[in-house]
Amino acid sequence: MASRKRMEDSERWRAVGRIGVGQSITDVALFFVVHHSVISRLWKQFQTTQTVVRRPVGGRPRVTTPAEDRYIAIVA
């Protein structure tokens, strides 16, 4: 399975800039070697929020502390 490569913020801004000057979403996706849906979602995000910075994601809160995690790793 291929590992995921997240676009850096600078790459995200460059991608939006390329679309802004008239390049197609497909061409921009080929340039950055990502799927066209990634660039499409990025462009949609930029149009609605005027930013391309990744939003923080929620998730289940951690139950163990970092010290407990280290202990579990040692014992396991």
N, C-alpha and C. Protein backbone atom coordinates (compact mmCIF):
# COMPACT_ATOMS: atom_id res chain seq x y z
N MET A 1 0.84 -1.17 0.00
CA MET A 1 0.00 0.00 0.00
C MET A 1 0.89 1.24 0.00
N ALA A 2 0.57 2.20 -0.82
CA ALA A 2 1.37 3.42 -0.92
C ALA A 2 1.10 4.32 0.28
N SER A 3 2.17 4.97 0.74
CA SER A 3 1.99 5.90 1.86
C SER A 3 1.42 7.22 1.34
N ARG A 4 0.67 7.88 2.19
CA ARG A 4 0.06 9.14 1.79
C ARG A 4 1.07 10.27 1.91
N LYS A 5 1.08 11.13 0.91
CA LYS A 5 1.95 12.29 0.93
C LYS A 5 1.06 13.52 1.02
N ARG A 6 1.16 14.23 2.10
CA ARG A 6 0.36 15.44 2.26
C ARG A 6 1.07 16.59 1.57
N MET A 7 0.29 17.41 0.90
CA MET A 7 0.86 18.59 0.26
C MET A 7 1.20 19.62 1.33
N GLU A 8 2.38 20.19 1.23
CA GLU A 8 2.77 21.27 2.14
C GLU A 8 1.91 22.49 1.84
N ASP A 9 1.81 23.40 2.80
CA ASP A 9 1.02 24.61 2.59
C ASP A 9 1.54 25.41 1.40
N SER A 10 2.87 25.45 1.23
CA SER A 10 3.44 26.20 0.11
C SER A 10 3.01 25.58 -1.22
N GLU A 11 2.97 24.25 -1.29
CA GLU A 11 2.52 23.58 -2.51
C GLU A 11 1.04 23.85 -2.75
N ARG A 12 0.26 23.89 -1.69
CA ARG A 12 -1.17 24.16 -1.84
C ARG A 12 -1.39 25.56 -2.42
N TRP A 13 -0.63 26.54 -1.91
CA TRP A 13 -0.76 27.90 -2.43
C TRP A 13 -0.31 27.97 -3.89
N ARG A 14 0.76 27.25 -4.23
CA ARG A 14 1.23 27.24 -5.62
C ARG A 14 0.20 26.62 -6.54
N ALA A 15 -0.46 25.55 -6.07
CA ALA A 15 -1.49 24.90 -6.89
C ALA A 15 -2.65 25.86 -7.15
N VAL A 16 -3.08 26.56 -6.12
CA VAL A 16 -4.17 27.53 -6.28
C VAL A 16 -3.74 28.64 -7.24
N GLY A 17 -2.50 29.08 -7.12
CA GLY A 17 -1.99 30.11 -8.02
C GLY A 17 -2.00 29.66 -9.47
N ARG A 18 -1.64 28.42 -9.71
CA ARG A 18 -1.63 27.89 -11.08
C ARG A 18 -3.04 27.85 -11.66
N ILE A 19 -4.01 27.45 -10.83
CA ILE A 19 -5.39 27.44 -11.31
C ILE A 19 -5.85 28.87 -11.57
N GLY A 20 -5.44 29.78 -10.69
CA GLY A 20 -5.82 31.18 -10.83
C GLY A 20 -5.34 31.82 -12.12
N VAL A 21 -4.21 31.37 -12.64
CA VAL A 21 -3.70 31.94 -13.89
C VAL A 21 -4.20 31.19 -15.12
N GLY A 22 -5.06 30.20 -14.91
CA GLY A 22 -5.70 29.57 -16.05
C GLY A 22 -5.35 28.13 -16.34
N GLN A 23 -4.46 27.52 -15.57
CA GLN A 23 -4.16 26.11 -15.81
C GLN A 23 -5.35 25.26 -15.38
N SER A 24 -5.53 24.15 -16.06
CA SER A 24 -6.64 23.27 -15.70
C SER A 24 -6.31 22.49 -14.44
N ILE A 25 -7.35 22.03 -13.77
CA ILE A 25 -7.18 21.23 -12.56
C ILE A 25 -6.38 19.97 -12.88
N THR A 26 -6.64 19.36 -14.02
CA THR A 26 -5.93 18.15 -14.42
C THR A 26 -4.44 18.42 -14.60
N ASP A 27 -4.10 19.52 -15.27
CA ASP A 27 -2.69 19.86 -15.48
C ASP A 27 -1.98 20.13 -14.15
N VAL A 28 -2.65 20.82 -13.25
CA VAL A 28 -2.06 21.11 -11.94
C VAL A 28 -1.85 19.80 -11.17
N ALA A 29 -2.83 18.91 -11.24
CA ALA A 29 -2.71 17.62 -10.56
C ALA A 29 -1.54 16.82 -11.12
N LEU A 30 -1.36 16.82 -12.41
CA LEU A 30 -0.23 16.11 -13.02
C LEU A 30 1.09 16.72 -12.58
N PHE A 31 1.15 18.04 -12.47
CA PHE A 31 2.37 18.72 -12.06
C PHE A 31 2.77 18.32 -10.65
N PHE A 32 1.79 18.26 -9.74
CA PHE A 32 2.08 17.93 -8.34
C PHE A 32 2.00 16.44 -8.05
N VAL A 33 1.70 15.63 -9.05
CA VAL A 33 1.61 14.18 -8.95
C VAL A 33 0.62 13.78 -7.84
N VAL A 34 -0.59 14.34 -7.95
CA VAL A 34 -1.68 13.97 -7.06
C VAL A 34 -2.92 13.73 -7.92
N HIS A 35 -3.93 13.12 -7.34
CA HIS A 35 -5.17 12.87 -8.07
C HIS A 35 -5.89 14.19 -8.29
N HIS A 36 -6.61 14.29 -9.41
CA HIS A 36 -7.28 15.55 -9.73
C HIS A 36 -8.32 15.94 -8.69
N SER A 37 -8.87 14.95 -7.97
CA SER A 37 -9.87 15.28 -6.95
C SER A 37 -9.24 16.05 -5.79
N VAL A 38 -7.95 15.81 -5.52
CA VAL A 38 -7.25 16.54 -4.46
C VAL A 38 -7.21 18.02 -4.81
N ILE A 39 -6.84 18.32 -6.04
CA ILE A 39 -6.74 19.71 -6.48
C ILE A 39 -8.13 20.33 -6.58
N SER A 40 -9.10 19.55 -7.01
CA SER A 40 -10.47 20.06 -7.10
C SER A 40 -11.00 20.46 -5.73
N ARG A 41 -10.77 19.60 -4.73
CA ARG A 41 -11.22 19.92 -3.37
C ARG A 41 -10.46 21.12 -2.81
N LEU A 42 -9.17 21.21 -3.13
CA LEU A 42 -8.36 22.34 -2.68
C LEU A 42 -8.89 23.65 -3.28
N TRP A 43 -9.22 23.63 -4.56
CA TRP A 43 -9.73 24.82 -5.23
C TRP A 43 -11.09 25.22 -4.64
N LYS A 44 -11.94 24.23 -4.38
CA LYS A 44 -13.25 24.51 -3.79
C LYS A 44 -13.07 25.13 -2.39
N GLN A 45 -12.13 24.59 -1.62
CA GLN A 45 -11.85 25.13 -0.28
C GLN A 45 -11.39 26.58 -0.39
N PHE A 46 -10.52 26.85 -1.34
CA PHE A 46 -10.00 28.21 -1.51
C PHE A 46 -11.12 29.18 -1.89
N GLN A 47 -12.01 28.74 -2.76
CA GLN A 47 -13.09 29.62 -3.19
C GLN A 47 -14.05 29.97 -2.05
N THR A 48 -14.25 29.05 -1.12
CA THR A 48 -15.20 29.31 -0.04
C THR A 48 -14.55 30.00 1.16
N THR A 49 -13.28 29.68 1.46
CA THR A 49 -12.65 30.20 2.68
C THR A 49 -11.52 31.19 2.42
N GLN A 50 -11.08 31.31 1.18
CA GLN A 50 -9.95 32.17 0.80
C GLN A 50 -8.65 31.75 1.48
N THR A 51 -8.54 30.48 1.86
CA THR A 51 -7.31 29.96 2.42
C THR A 51 -7.15 28.51 2.01
N VAL A 52 -5.92 28.01 2.08
CA VAL A 52 -5.68 26.61 1.75
C VAL A 52 -5.04 25.86 2.91
N VAL A 53 -5.01 26.50 4.08
CA VAL A 53 -4.41 25.88 5.25
C VAL A 53 -5.30 24.73 5.71
N ARG A 54 -4.67 23.62 6.06
CA ARG A 54 -5.43 22.44 6.49
C ARG A 54 -6.16 22.73 7.78
N ARG A 55 -7.41 22.29 7.83
CA ARG A 55 -8.21 22.47 9.04
C ARG A 55 -7.83 21.41 10.07
N PRO A 56 -7.89 21.76 11.35
CA PRO A 56 -7.64 20.74 12.36
C PRO A 56 -8.75 19.70 12.34
N VAL A 57 -8.38 18.47 12.54
CA VAL A 57 -9.37 17.40 12.52
C VAL A 57 -9.60 16.89 13.93
N GLY A 58 -10.81 16.52 14.18
CA GLY A 58 -11.15 15.98 15.49
C GLY A 58 -10.87 14.50 15.53
N GLY A 59 -11.14 13.94 16.63
CA GLY A 59 -10.95 12.51 16.79
C GLY A 59 -11.20 12.14 18.23
N ARG A 60 -11.11 10.90 18.49
CA ARG A 60 -11.30 10.45 19.85
C ARG A 60 -10.13 10.94 20.71
N PRO A 61 -10.44 11.50 21.89
CA PRO A 61 -9.36 11.98 22.74
C PRO A 61 -8.49 10.85 23.26
N ARG A 62 -7.23 11.15 23.49
CA ARG A 62 -6.30 10.15 24.02
C ARG A 62 -6.70 9.78 25.44
N VAL A 63 -6.55 8.51 25.79
CA VAL A 63 -6.86 8.04 27.13
C VAL A 63 -5.59 7.90 27.95
N THR A 64 -4.51 7.49 27.30
CA THR A 64 -3.26 7.29 28.02
C THR A 64 -2.36 8.52 27.88
N THR A 65 -1.52 8.71 28.86
CA THR A 65 -0.55 9.81 28.82
C THR A 65 0.69 9.34 28.05
N PRO A 66 1.53 10.26 27.62
CA PRO A 66 2.77 9.84 26.95
C PRO A 66 3.62 8.91 27.81
N ALA A 67 3.65 9.16 29.12
CA ALA A 67 4.42 8.28 30.02
C ALA A 67 3.84 6.87 30.02
N GLU A 68 2.52 6.77 30.04
CA GLU A 68 1.88 5.45 30.00
C GLU A 68 2.14 4.76 28.67
N ASP A 69 2.16 5.52 27.59
CA ASP A 69 2.46 4.94 26.27
C ASP A 69 3.87 4.34 26.25
N ARG A 70 4.84 5.05 26.84
CA ARG A 70 6.21 4.53 26.89
C ARG A 70 6.27 3.26 27.72
N TYR A 71 5.56 3.24 28.85
CA TYR A 71 5.54 2.06 29.71
C TYR A 71 4.94 0.86 28.97
N ILE A 72 3.85 1.09 28.27
CA ILE A 72 3.21 0.01 27.51
C ILE A 72 4.16 -0.53 26.45
N ALA A 73 4.90 0.36 25.79
CA ALA A 73 5.84 -0.07 24.76
C ALA A 73 6.96 -0.91 25.36
N ILE A 74 7.41 -0.56 26.56
CA ILE A 74 8.48 -1.31 27.21
C ILE A 74 7.99 -2.69 27.64
N VAL A 75 6.80 -2.74 28.20
CA VAL A 75 6.25 -3.99 28.73
C VAL A 75 5.85 -4.95 27.61
N ALA A 76 5.40 -4.41 26.50
CA ALA A 76 4.87 -5.26 25.42
C ALA A 76 5.94 -6.10 24.77
